[in-house]
Amino acid sequence: MADVYDGAFRTILNDCRKLILPMINEVFQEQYTGEEKIEFSPNEHFLDRQDGADQKRITDTNFTVYGSEVKKYHWECESTPDSRILIRLFEYDAQIALDQGEVLRETLTVTFPNTAVLYLRCTQNTPDKMGYVIKTPGGTISYDIPVMKTQAYTLDDIFDKNLLILIPFHIFSFEKNFPGYEKDGGKMKELEAEYERMVERLDDLMKKGVIGAFDKRTILEISRDVLREIAKKYENVKKGVGDIMGGALLETEARKIRNEGISQGISQGISQGISQGILQGEQLLASLMSRLLADGRTEDAKLAAEDEKARKRFYKEYGIID
């Protein structure tokens, strides 16, 4: 289901924010160093309609990067190419621009975001870019919407370019071979070897301090979520690859995760109540905070950090505890 993949994309961007910048560098040819501040905007928008019936739409993610310039970005994750994606993108972009528009001396100024699409599946006919052509009384404006294709990147590409955000979706590169893996143990070993190598390289990055234990755990957990969805009809694939990632998750020390501060996203904007909650709640609280923030529930995150009863209620809501 596309919602699983959309949710996975939103979660990894929110929980592992420092991994976003290499992806922007790759697609938009930027030169971000990794030290820039990233600020997320609400992903819920109400599209104004002429009939007065506002329509609620949820973007996958939109955020601002504060570097030498301040730039807004909007990314959508699509499991399969869709002919209507451009219409949706433009609606989202226009609403993002309006939400942050300014009226000064009877003049409305809006800034459209830098927009891109991540395709998890693609064919030979999937374009490398799309585009807008906007005809106005003052002239015609046109610009490109870059397309990033998960299947265009090998495992070596992902690690060499630090595109670790793509790891949960790397399994899409093997989807067409699932029937063969399911029936042929030898072929299945090749897929398992790919994921063993992936885990080894993540371990190496963690040992070098390039990523933290929380980053590694998040990548592996989201990868397992995506695997369960994409391979739900292929038990051998689900078990073979899932066991490799499950073993790696067990090896990630909970204490190490907690001592790192657990949530890079939490520290940006909600320091007081949440920092107190981290000390009390360890892994469970970290998981809850990540989910609340990914859903844009900032006030609930503050409440969970400060109020034990509310915290337990949110735990049950997200299925973190029974």
C-alpha atoms as a PDB file:
ATOM      1  CA  MET A   1       0.000   0.000   0.000  1.00  0.00           C
ATOM      2  CA  ALA A   2       1.357   3.398  -0.998  1.00  0.00           C
ATOM      3  CA  ASP A   3       0.575   4.829   2.460  1.00  0.00           C
ATOM      4  CA  VAL A   4       3.195   2.520   3.998  1.00  0.00           C
ATOM      5  CA  TYR A   5       5.865   3.836   1.664  1.00  0.00           C
ATOM      6  CA  ASP A   6       4.791   7.466   2.097  1.00  0.00           C
ATOM      7  CA  GLY A   7       4.900   7.012   5.845  1.00  0.00           C
ATOM      8  CA  ALA A   8       8.324   5.393   5.663  1.00  0.00           C
ATOM      9  CA  PHE A   9       9.640   8.300   3.605  1.00  0.00           C
ATOM     10  CA  ARG A  10       8.215  10.920   5.977  1.00  0.00           C
ATOM     11  CA  THR A  11       9.544   9.095   9.027  1.00  0.00           C
ATOM     12  CA  ILE A  12      13.121   8.709   7.837  1.00  0.00           C
ATOM     13  CA  LEU A  13      13.265  12.362   6.746  1.00  0.00           C
ATOM     14  CA  ASN A  14      11.939  13.557  10.101  1.00  0.00           C
ATOM     15  CA  ASP A  15      13.958  11.194  12.277  1.00  0.00           C
ATOM     16  CA  CYS A  16      17.275  11.329  10.373  1.00  0.00           C
ATOM     17  CA  ARG A  17      17.362  14.942   9.253  1.00  0.00           C
ATOM     18  CA  LYS A  18      21.079  15.195   8.626  1.00  0.00           C
ATOM     19  CA  LEU A  19      20.682  12.535   5.919  1.00  0.00           C
ATOM     20  CA  ILE A  20      18.427  14.848   3.903  1.00  0.00           C
ATOM     21  CA  LEU A  21      21.180  17.183   2.722  1.00  0.00           C
ATOM     22  CA  PRO A  22      23.147  14.631   0.651  1.00  0.00           C
ATOM     23  CA  MET A  23      19.897  13.820  -1.173  1.00  0.00           C
ATOM     24  CA  ILE A  24      19.325  17.507  -1.934  1.00  0.00           C
ATOM     25  CA  ASN A  25      22.926  17.841  -3.109  1.00  0.00           C
ATOM     26  CA  GLU A  26      22.442  14.886  -5.448  1.00  0.00           C
ATOM     27  CA  VAL A  27      19.187  16.059  -7.014  1.00  0.00           C
ATOM     28  CA  PHE A  28      19.510  19.850  -6.973  1.00  0.00           C
ATOM     29  CA  GLN A  29      23.312  20.039  -7.326  1.00  0.00           C
ATOM     30  CA  GLU A  30      23.623  21.989  -4.104  1.00  0.00           C
ATOM     31  CA  GLN A  31      26.764  22.106  -1.959  1.00  0.00           C
ATOM     32  CA  TYR A  32      25.357  21.710   1.537  1.00  0.00           C
ATOM     33  CA  THR A  33      27.975  20.693   4.108  1.00  0.00           C
ATOM     34  CA  GLY A  34      25.678  18.908   6.532  1.00  0.00           C
ATOM     35  CA  GLU A  35      25.792  21.654   9.148  1.00  0.00           C
ATOM     36  CA  GLU A  36      22.823  23.614   7.828  1.00  0.00           C
ATOM     37  CA  LYS A  37      19.654  23.940   9.893  1.00  0.00           C
ATOM     38  CA  ILE A  38      16.538  22.179   8.581  1.00  0.00           C
ATOM     39  CA  GLU A  39      13.086  23.286   9.670  1.00  0.00           C
ATOM     40  CA  PHE A  40       9.999  21.279   8.733  1.00  0.00           C
ATOM     41  CA  SER A  41       6.660  22.874   7.929  1.00  0.00           C
ATOM     42  CA  PRO A  42       3.234  21.310   8.528  1.00  0.00           C
ATOM     43  CA  ASN A  43       2.432  18.802   5.801  1.00  0.00           C
ATOM     44  CA  GLU A  44      -1.337  19.341   5.994  1.00  0.00           C
ATOM     45  CA  HIS A  45      -2.773  21.922   3.608  1.00  0.00           C
ATOM     46  CA  PHE A  46      -6.284  23.009   2.789  1.00  0.00           C
ATOM     47  CA  LEU A  47      -6.638  23.686  -0.915  1.00  0.00           C
ATOM     48  CA  ASP A  48      -8.984  26.571  -1.574  1.00  0.00           C
ATOM     49  CA  ARG A  49     -11.833  25.761  -3.962  1.00  0.00           C
ATOM     50  CA  GLN A  50     -14.137  28.137  -5.807  1.00  0.00           C
ATOM     51  CA  ASP A  51     -17.184  26.392  -4.386  1.00  0.00           C
ATOM     52  CA  GLY A  52     -15.956  27.184  -0.875  1.00  0.00           C
ATOM     53  CA  ALA A  53     -15.355  23.544   0.029  1.00  0.00           C
ATOM     54  CA  ASP A  54     -11.756  23.412   1.194  1.00  0.00           C
ATOM     55  CA  GLN A  55     -10.048  20.137   0.443  1.00  0.00           C
ATOM     56  CA  LYS A  56      -7.472  18.732   2.841  1.00  0.00           C
ATOM     57  CA  ARG A  57      -4.288  17.417   1.242  1.00  0.00           C
ATOM     58  CA  ILE A  58      -1.188  15.987   2.906  1.00  0.00           C
ATOM     59  CA  THR A  59       2.197  16.472   1.299  1.00  0.00           C
ATOM     60  CA  ASP A  60       4.904  13.902   1.934  1.00  0.00           C
ATOM     61  CA  THR A  61       7.260  16.540   3.259  1.00  0.00           C
ATOM     62  CA  ASN A  62       8.192  20.183   2.928  1.00  0.00           C
ATOM     63  CA  PHE A  63      10.958  21.950   4.788  1.00  0.00           C
ATOM     64  CA  THR A  64      13.327  24.909   4.754  1.00  0.00           C
ATOM     65  CA  VAL A  65      17.125  24.706   4.695  1.00  0.00           C
ATOM     66  CA  TYR A  66      19.023  27.607   6.252  1.00  0.00           C
ATOM     67  CA  GLY A  67      22.374  27.796   4.464  1.00  0.00           C
ATOM     68  CA  SER A  68      24.085  30.698   2.727  1.00  0.00           C
ATOM     69  CA  GLU A  69      20.572  31.192   1.308  1.00  0.00           C
ATOM     70  CA  VAL A  70      17.230  30.192   2.776  1.00  0.00           C
ATOM     71  CA  LYS A  71      15.548  27.684   0.465  1.00  0.00           C
ATOM     72  CA  LYS A  72      12.273  25.803   0.676  1.00  0.00           C
ATOM     73  CA  TYR A  73      11.966  22.216  -0.553  1.00  0.00           C
ATOM     74  CA  HIS A  74       9.007  19.972  -1.276  1.00  0.00           C
ATOM     75  CA  TRP A  75       9.473  16.231  -1.866  1.00  0.00           C
ATOM     76  CA  GLU A  76       6.916  13.634  -2.813  1.00  0.00           C
ATOM     77  CA  CYS A  77       7.488   9.875  -2.715  1.00  0.00           C
ATOM     78  CA  GLU A  78       5.588   7.838  -5.308  1.00  0.00           C
ATOM     79  CA  SER A  79       5.649   4.050  -5.431  1.00  0.00           C
ATOM     80  CA  THR A  80       4.638   4.007  -9.110  1.00  0.00           C
ATOM     81  CA  PRO A  81       4.727   6.683 -11.860  1.00  0.00           C
ATOM     82  CA  ASP A  82       1.385   8.463 -12.016  1.00  0.00           C
ATOM     83  CA  SER A  83       0.212  10.691 -14.857  1.00  0.00           C
ATOM     84  CA  ARG A  84      -1.600  13.007 -12.423  1.00  0.00           C
ATOM     85  CA  ILE A  85       1.392  13.602 -10.150  1.00  0.00           C
ATOM     86  CA  LEU A  86       2.199  16.954 -11.800  1.00  0.00           C
ATOM     87  CA  ILE A  87      -1.262  18.307 -11.039  1.00  0.00           C
ATOM     88  CA  ARG A  88      -0.967  17.277  -7.397  1.00  0.00           C
ATOM     89  CA  LEU A  89       2.547  18.695  -7.177  1.00  0.00           C
ATOM     90  CA  PHE A  90       1.443  22.057  -8.516  1.00  0.00           C
ATOM     91  CA  GLU A  91      -1.535  22.181  -6.133  1.00  0.00           C
ATOM     92  CA  TYR A  92       0.765  21.439  -3.202  1.00  0.00           C
ATOM     93  CA  ASP A  93       3.417  23.914  -4.350  1.00  0.00           C
ATOM     94  CA  ALA A  94       0.890  26.696  -4.842  1.00  0.00           C
ATOM     95  CA  GLN A  95      -0.600  26.100  -1.404  1.00  0.00           C
ATOM     96  CA  ILE A  96       2.845  25.942   0.251  1.00  0.00           C
ATOM     97  CA  ALA A  97       3.648  29.263  -1.437  1.00  0.00           C
ATOM     98  CA  LEU A  98       0.332  30.796  -0.321  1.00  0.00           C
ATOM     99  CA  ASP A  99       0.681  29.527   3.242  1.00  0.00           C
ATOM    100  CA  GLN A 100       3.909  31.485   3.589  1.00  0.00           C
ATOM    101  CA  GLY A 101       3.028  34.367   1.275  1.00  0.00           C
ATOM    102  CA  GLU A 102       3.287  38.020   2.277  1.00  0.00           C
ATOM    103  CA  VAL A 103       1.102  40.967   1.364  1.00  0.00           C
ATOM    104  CA  LEU A 104       2.880  44.283   1.449  1.00  0.00           C
ATOM    105  CA  ARG A 105       1.508  47.513  -0.030  1.00  0.00           C
ATOM    106  CA  GLU A 106      -1.224  45.660  -1.883  1.00  0.00           C
ATOM    107  CA  THR A 107       1.272  43.251  -3.426  1.00  0.00           C
ATOM    108  CA  LEU A 108       1.225  39.502  -2.730  1.00  0.00           C
ATOM    109  CA  THR A 109       4.636  37.833  -2.822  1.00  0.00           C
ATOM    110  CA  VAL A 110       4.787  34.040  -2.875  1.00  0.00           C
ATOM    111  CA  THR A 111       7.816  31.788  -3.081  1.00  0.00           C
ATOM    112  CA  PHE A 112       7.426  28.397  -4.705  1.00  0.00           C
ATOM    113  CA  PRO A 113       9.533  25.591  -3.209  1.00  0.00           C
ATOM    114  CA  ASN A 114      12.217  23.566  -4.932  1.00  0.00           C
ATOM    115  CA  THR A 115      10.219  20.451  -5.743  1.00  0.00           C
ATOM    116  CA  ALA A 116      11.308  16.912  -6.542  1.00  0.00           C
ATOM    117  CA  VAL A 117       9.763  13.451  -6.786  1.00  0.00           C
ATOM    118  CA  LEU A 118      11.225  10.168  -5.576  1.00  0.00           C
ATOM    119  CA  TYR A 119       9.979   7.215  -7.628  1.00  0.00           C
ATOM    120  CA  LEU A 120      10.336   3.822  -5.968  1.00  0.00           C
ATOM    121  CA  ARG A 121       9.443   2.004  -9.178  1.00  0.00           C
ATOM    122  CA  CYS A 122      10.234   3.106 -12.689  1.00  0.00           C
ATOM    123  CA  THR A 123      10.407   1.901 -16.281  1.00  0.00           C
ATOM    124  CA  GLN A 124      12.537   2.845 -19.246  1.00  0.00           C
ATOM    125  CA  ASN A 125       9.922   5.460 -20.093  1.00  0.00           C
ATOM    126  CA  THR A 126      10.030   7.167 -16.707  1.00  0.00           C
ATOM    127  CA  PRO A 127      11.454  10.660 -17.322  1.00  0.00           C
ATOM    128  CA  ASP A 128      14.429  12.119 -15.461  1.00  0.00           C
ATOM    129  CA  LYS A 129      12.536  15.349 -14.974  1.00  0.00           C
ATOM    130  CA  MET A 130       9.118  16.909 -15.311  1.00  0.00           C
ATOM    131  CA  GLY A 131       8.242  20.570 -15.495  1.00  0.00           C
ATOM    132  CA  TYR A 132       5.884  23.476 -15.094  1.00  0.00           C
ATOM    133  CA  VAL A 133       5.096  26.097 -17.719  1.00  0.00           C
ATOM    134  CA  ILE A 134       3.088  28.931 -16.161  1.00  0.00           C
ATOM    135  CA  LYS A 135       1.696  31.536 -18.547  1.00  0.00           C
ATOM    136  CA  THR A 136       0.909  34.840 -16.874  1.00  0.00           C
ATOM    137  CA  PRO A 137      -0.078  38.285 -18.177  1.00  0.00           C
ATOM    138  CA  GLY A 138       3.414  39.377 -17.203  1.00  0.00           C
ATOM    139  CA  GLY A 139       5.188  36.606 -19.081  1.00  0.00           C
ATOM    140  CA  THR A 140       5.797  32.873 -19.113  1.00  0.00           C
ATOM    141  CA  ILE A 141       7.657  31.113 -16.329  1.00  0.00           C
ATOM    142  CA  SER A 142       8.994  27.580 -16.666  1.00  0.00           C
ATOM    143  CA  TYR A 143      11.194  25.342 -14.543  1.00  0.00           C
ATOM    144  CA  ASP A 144      12.024  21.671 -14.060  1.00  0.00           C
ATOM    145  CA  ILE A 145      10.889  19.216 -11.394  1.00  0.00           C
ATOM    146  CA  PRO A 146      13.704  16.675 -10.984  1.00  0.00           C
ATOM    147  CA  VAL A 147      12.875  12.985 -10.661  1.00  0.00           C
ATOM    148  CA  MET A 148      14.944  10.740  -8.411  1.00  0.00           C
ATOM    149  CA  LYS A 149      14.683   7.011  -9.118  1.00  0.00           C
ATOM    150  CA  THR A 150      15.510   4.592  -6.334  1.00  0.00           C
ATOM    151  CA  GLN A 151      16.232   1.822  -8.813  1.00  0.00           C
ATOM    152  CA  ALA A 152      18.911   3.904 -10.536  1.00  0.00           C
ATOM    153  CA  TYR A 153      21.197   3.579  -7.501  1.00  0.00           C
ATOM    154  CA  THR A 154      23.192   0.475  -6.609  1.00  0.00           C
ATOM    155  CA  LEU A 155      24.133  -0.259  -3.026  1.00  0.00           C
ATOM    156  CA  ASP A 156      27.620   1.115  -3.748  1.00  0.00           C
ATOM    157  CA  ASP A 157      26.088   4.307  -5.169  1.00  0.00           C
ATOM    158  CA  ILE A 158      23.972   4.749  -2.054  1.00  0.00           C
ATOM    159  CA  PHE A 159      26.943   4.512   0.300  1.00  0.00           C
ATOM    160  CA  ASP A 160      29.431   6.343  -1.906  1.00  0.00           C
ATOM    161  CA  LYS A 161      27.062   9.317  -2.212  1.00  0.00           C
ATOM    162  CA  ASN A 162      25.778   9.050   1.367  1.00  0.00           C
ATOM    163  CA  LEU A 163      22.204   8.603   0.116  1.00  0.00           C
ATOM    164  CA  LEU A 164      21.283   6.512   3.149  1.00  0.00           C
ATOM    165  CA  ILE A 165      17.685   7.715   2.990  1.00  0.00           C
ATOM    166  CA  LEU A 166      17.282   5.387  -0.010  1.00  0.00           C
ATOM    167  CA  ILE A 167      18.242   2.237   1.912  1.00  0.00           C
ATOM    168  CA  PRO A 168      14.689   1.340   3.052  1.00  0.00           C
ATOM    169  CA  PHE A 169      13.603   1.430  -0.606  1.00  0.00           C
ATOM    170  CA  HIS A 170      16.584  -0.482  -2.039  1.00  0.00           C
ATOM    171  CA  ILE A 171      14.433  -3.627  -2.001  1.00  0.00           C
ATOM    172  CA  PHE A 172      12.417  -2.197  -4.934  1.00  0.00           C
ATOM    173  CA  SER A 173      15.423  -2.877  -7.183  1.00  0.00           C
ATOM    174  CA  PHE A 174      14.868  -6.614  -6.625  1.00  0.00           C
ATOM    175  CA  GLU A 175      11.078  -6.738  -6.707  1.00  0.00           C
ATOM    176  CA  LYS A 176      10.796  -8.247 -10.187  1.00  0.00           C
ATOM    177  CA  ASN A 177      13.008 -11.143  -9.047  1.00  0.00           C
ATOM    178  CA  PHE A 178      10.923 -12.068  -6.001  1.00  0.00           C
ATOM    179  CA  PRO A 179       9.308 -15.136  -7.684  1.00  0.00           C
ATOM    180  CA  GLY A 180      12.777 -16.491  -8.510  1.00  0.00           C
ATOM    181  CA  TYR A 181      14.112 -15.856  -5.007  1.00  0.00           C
ATOM    182  CA  GLU A 182      11.082 -17.566  -3.529  1.00  0.00           C
ATOM    183  CA  LYS A 183      11.691 -20.791  -5.450  1.00  0.00           C
ATOM    184  CA  ASP A 184      15.489 -20.858  -5.749  1.00  0.00           C
ATOM    185  CA  GLY A 185      17.556 -20.979  -2.572  1.00  0.00           C
ATOM    186  CA  GLY A 186      20.729 -20.126  -4.471  1.00  0.00           C
ATOM    187  CA  LYS A 187      19.266 -16.912  -5.840  1.00  0.00           C
ATOM    188  CA  MET A 188      17.877 -16.081  -2.415  1.00  0.00           C
ATOM    189  CA  LYS A 189      21.419 -16.317  -1.009  1.00  0.00           C
ATOM    190  CA  GLU A 190      22.487 -13.591  -3.443  1.00  0.00           C
ATOM    191  CA  LEU A 191      19.808 -11.252  -2.115  1.00  0.00           C
ATOM    192  CA  GLU A 192      20.727 -12.093   1.467  1.00  0.00           C
ATOM    193  CA  ALA A 193      24.376 -11.361   0.685  1.00  0.00           C
ATOM    194  CA  GLU A 194      23.369  -7.916  -0.609  1.00  0.00           C
ATOM    195  CA  TYR A 195      21.664  -7.117   2.684  1.00  0.00           C
ATOM    196  CA  GLU A 196      24.456  -8.579   4.792  1.00  0.00           C
ATOM    197  CA  ARG A 197      26.811  -6.224   2.977  1.00  0.00           C
ATOM    198  CA  MET A 198      24.417  -3.331   3.597  1.00  0.00           C
ATOM    199  CA  VAL A 199      24.343  -4.039   7.345  1.00  0.00           C
ATOM    200  CA  GLU A 200      28.140  -4.320   7.457  1.00  0.00           C
ATOM    201  CA  ARG A 201      28.518  -0.939   5.783  1.00  0.00           C
ATOM    202  CA  LEU A 202      26.028   0.672   8.167  1.00  0.00           C
ATOM    203  CA  ASP A 203      28.000  -0.817  11.071  1.00  0.00           C
ATOM    204  CA  ASP A 204      31.193   0.627   9.629  1.00  0.00           C
ATOM    205  CA  LEU A 205      29.642   4.114   9.316  1.00  0.00           C
ATOM    206  CA  MET A 206      28.403   3.899  12.899  1.00  0.00           C
ATOM    207  CA  LYS A 207      31.861   2.871  14.188  1.00  0.00           C
ATOM    208  CA  LYS A 208      33.400   5.820  12.340  1.00  0.00           C
ATOM    209  CA  GLY A 209      30.844   8.196  13.824  1.00  0.00           C
ATOM    210  CA  VAL A 210      29.372   9.138  10.435  1.00  0.00           C
ATOM    211  CA  ILE A 211      25.930   8.024  11.629  1.00  0.00           C
ATOM    212  CA  GLY A 212      24.673   7.305  15.114  1.00  0.00           C
ATOM    213  CA  ALA A 213      23.091   4.207  16.610  1.00  0.00           C
ATOM    214  CA  PHE A 214      19.690   5.892  16.407  1.00  0.00           C
ATOM    215  CA  ASP A 215      20.159   6.558  12.678  1.00  0.00           C
ATOM    216  CA  LYS A 216      21.130   2.951  12.071  1.00  0.00           C
ATOM    217  CA  ARG A 217      18.190   1.620  14.038  1.00  0.00           C
ATOM    218  CA  THR A 218      15.749   3.925  12.269  1.00  0.00           C
ATOM    219  CA  ILE A 219      17.036   2.908   8.834  1.00  0.00           C
ATOM    220  CA  LEU A 220      16.740  -0.790   9.694  1.00  0.00           C
ATOM    221  CA  GLU A 221      13.279  -0.503  11.269  1.00  0.00           C
ATOM    222  CA  ILE A 222      11.870   1.412   8.319  1.00  0.00           C
ATOM    223  CA  SER A 223      13.546  -1.030   5.911  1.00  0.00           C
ATOM    224  CA  ARG A 224      11.747  -3.894   7.656  1.00  0.00           C
ATOM    225  CA  ASP A 225       8.407  -2.053   7.428  1.00  0.00           C
ATOM    226  CA  VAL A 226       8.866  -1.570   3.679  1.00  0.00           C
ATOM    227  CA  LEU A 227       9.993  -5.192   3.257  1.00  0.00           C
ATOM    228  CA  ARG A 228       6.900  -6.526   5.042  1.00  0.00           C
ATOM    229  CA  GLU A 229       4.677  -4.585   2.648  1.00  0.00           C
ATOM    230  CA  ILE A 230       6.444  -5.194  -0.640  1.00  0.00           C
ATOM    231  CA  ALA A 231       7.158  -8.896   0.032  1.00  0.00           C
ATOM    232  CA  LYS A 232       3.988  -9.853   1.875  1.00  0.00           C
ATOM    233  CA  LYS A 233       3.263 -12.566  -0.733  1.00  0.00           C
ATOM    234  CA  TYR A 234       6.823 -13.932  -0.619  1.00  0.00           C
ATOM    235  CA  GLU A 235       7.533 -15.585   2.720  1.00  0.00           C
ATOM    236  CA  ASN A 236      11.096 -16.686   1.909  1.00  0.00           C
ATOM    237  CA  VAL A 237      12.085 -13.176   0.814  1.00  0.00           C
ATOM    238  CA  LYS A 238      10.415 -11.619   3.839  1.00  0.00           C
ATOM    239  CA  LYS A 239      12.091 -14.054   6.233  1.00  0.00           C
ATOM    240  CA  GLY A 240      15.538 -14.159   4.601  1.00  0.00           C
ATOM    241  CA  VAL A 241      16.062 -10.408   4.361  1.00  0.00           C
ATOM    242  CA  GLY A 242      14.018  -9.668   7.487  1.00  0.00           C
ATOM    243  CA  ASP A 243      16.131 -11.963   9.658  1.00  0.00           C
ATOM    244  CA  ILE A 244      19.310 -10.190   8.571  1.00  0.00           C
ATOM    245  CA  MET A 245      17.923  -6.792   9.517  1.00  0.00           C
ATOM    246  CA  GLY A 246      16.331  -8.197  12.675  1.00  0.00           C
ATOM    247  CA  GLY A 247      19.672  -9.539  13.829  1.00  0.00           C
ATOM    248  CA  ALA A 248      21.294  -6.183  13.162  1.00  0.00           C
ATOM    249  CA  LEU A 249      18.584  -4.459  15.203  1.00  0.00           C
ATOM    250  CA  LEU A 250      19.303  -6.709  18.181  1.00  0.00           C
ATOM    251  CA  GLU A 251      22.980  -5.814  17.962  1.00  0.00           C
ATOM    252  CA  THR A 252      22.266  -2.078  18.179  1.00  0.00           C
ATOM    253  CA  GLU A 253      22.718  -1.208  21.838  1.00  0.00           C
ATOM    254  CA  ALA A 254      19.734   0.499  23.487  1.00  0.00           C
ATOM    255  CA  ARG A 255      22.005   2.313  25.929  1.00  0.00           C
ATOM    256  CA  LYS A 256      24.064   3.695  23.067  1.00  0.00           C
ATOM    257  CA  ILE A 257      20.970   4.996  21.358  1.00  0.00           C
ATOM    258  CA  ARG A 258      19.752   6.663  24.543  1.00  0.00           C
ATOM    259  CA  ASN A 259      23.108   8.266  25.298  1.00  0.00           C
ATOM    260  CA  GLU A 260      23.275   9.809  21.841  1.00  0.00           C
ATOM    261  CA  GLY A 261      20.262  11.948  22.620  1.00  0.00           C
ATOM    262  CA  ILE A 262      17.992   9.629  20.669  1.00  0.00           C
ATOM    263  CA  SER A 263      16.185  12.081  18.587  1.00  0.00           C
ATOM    264  CA  GLN A 264      17.834  14.672  16.419  1.00  0.00           C
ATOM    265  CA  GLY A 265      14.367  15.841  15.408  1.00  0.00           C
ATOM    266  CA  ILE A 266      13.184  16.376  18.972  1.00  0.00           C
ATOM    267  CA  SER A 267      16.095  18.636  19.848  1.00  0.00           C
ATOM    268  CA  GLN A 268      15.091  21.071  17.103  1.00  0.00           C
ATOM    269  CA  GLY A 269      12.383  23.195  18.569  1.00  0.00           C
ATOM    270  CA  ILE A 270      11.045  21.400  21.612  1.00  0.00           C
ATOM    271  CA  SER A 271      13.975  21.230  23.984  1.00  0.00           C
ATOM    272  CA  GLN A 272      12.602  21.601  27.517  1.00  0.00           C
ATOM    273  CA  GLY A 273       9.860  19.083  28.090  1.00  0.00           C
ATOM    274  CA  ILE A 274      11.269  16.531  25.699  1.00  0.00           C
ATOM    275  CA  SER A 275      14.813  16.551  27.078  1.00  0.00           C
ATOM    276  CA  GLN A 276      13.319  15.781  30.478  1.00  0.00           C
ATOM    277  CA  GLY A 277      11.219  13.036  28.928  1.00  0.00           C
ATOM    278  CA  ILE A 278      14.191  11.406  27.232  1.00  0.00           C
ATOM    279  CA  LEU A 279      15.868  10.832  30.579  1.00  0.00           C
ATOM    280  CA  GLN A 280      12.724   9.160  31.899  1.00  0.00           C
ATOM    281  CA  GLY A 281      11.428   7.285  28.925  1.00  0.00           C
ATOM    282  CA  GLU A 282      14.530   5.978  27.130  1.00  0.00           C
ATOM    283  CA  GLN A 283      13.705   3.963  24.023  1.00  0.00           C
ATOM    284  CA  LEU A 284       9.922   3.896  24.369  1.00  0.00           C
ATOM    285  CA  LEU A 285       9.694   7.643  24.697  1.00  0.00           C
ATOM    286  CA  ALA A 286      12.131   8.176  21.846  1.00  0.00           C
ATOM    287  CA  SER A 287       9.991   6.018  19.567  1.00  0.00           C
ATOM    288  CA  LEU A 288       6.825   7.828  20.653  1.00  0.00           C
ATOM    289  CA  MET A 289       8.369  11.280  20.152  1.00  0.00           C
ATOM    290  CA  SER A 290       9.598  10.372  16.691  1.00  0.00           C
ATOM    291  CA  ARG A 291       6.133   9.257  15.641  1.00  0.00           C
ATOM    292  CA  LEU A 292       4.352  12.251  17.117  1.00  0.00           C
ATOM    293  CA  LEU A 293       6.756  14.650  15.434  1.00  0.00           C
ATOM    294  CA  ALA A 294       6.542  12.801  12.126  1.00  0.00           C
ATOM    295  CA  ASP A 295       2.768  13.320  12.299  1.00  0.00           C
ATOM    296  CA  GLY A 296       3.240  17.011  13.082  1.00  0.00           C
ATOM    297  CA  ARG A 297       1.879  16.619  16.636  1.00  0.00           C
ATOM    298  CA  THR A 298       4.280  18.996  18.389  1.00  0.00           C
ATOM    299  CA  GLU A 299       1.940  19.915  21.243  1.00  0.00           C
ATOM    300  CA  ASP A 300       1.200  16.243  21.924  1.00  0.00           C
ATOM    301  CA  ALA A 301       4.962  15.596  22.029  1.00  0.00           C
ATOM    302  CA  LYS A 302       5.357  18.280  24.693  1.00  0.00           C
ATOM    303  CA  LEU A 303       2.432  16.830  26.630  1.00  0.00           C
ATOM    304  CA  ALA A 304       3.862  13.308  26.440  1.00  0.00           C
ATOM    305  CA  ALA A 305       7.183  14.504  27.850  1.00  0.00           C
ATOM    306  CA  GLU A 306       5.536  16.218  30.794  1.00  0.00           C
ATOM    307  CA  ASP A 307       2.493  14.083  31.635  1.00  0.00           C
ATOM    308  CA  GLU A 308       2.787  10.356  32.397  1.00  0.00           C
ATOM    309  CA  LYS A 309      -0.915   9.628  31.866  1.00  0.00           C
ATOM    310  CA  ALA A 310      -0.886  11.323  28.478  1.00  0.00           C
ATOM    311  CA  ARG A 311       2.319   9.468  27.612  1.00  0.00           C
ATOM    312  CA  LYS A 312       0.701   6.103  28.338  1.00  0.00           C
ATOM    313  CA  ARG A 313      -2.332   7.082  26.268  1.00  0.00           C
ATOM    314  CA  PHE A 314      -0.135   7.931  23.277  1.00  0.00           C
ATOM    315  CA  TYR A 315       1.846   4.701  23.726  1.00  0.00           C
ATOM    316  CA  LYS A 316      -1.386   2.735  23.359  1.00  0.00           C
ATOM    317  CA  GLU A 317      -2.571   4.859  20.431  1.00  0.00           C
ATOM    318  CA  TYR A 318       0.581   4.029  18.458  1.00  0.00           C
ATOM    319  CA  GLY A 319       0.700   0.412  19.609  1.00  0.00           C
ATOM    320  CA  ILE A 320       4.046   0.898  21.353  1.00  0.00           C
ATOM    321  CA  ILE A 321       2.679  -0.802  24.488  1.00  0.00           C
ATOM    322  CA  ASP A 322      -0.494  -2.809  25.026  1.00  0.00           C
END
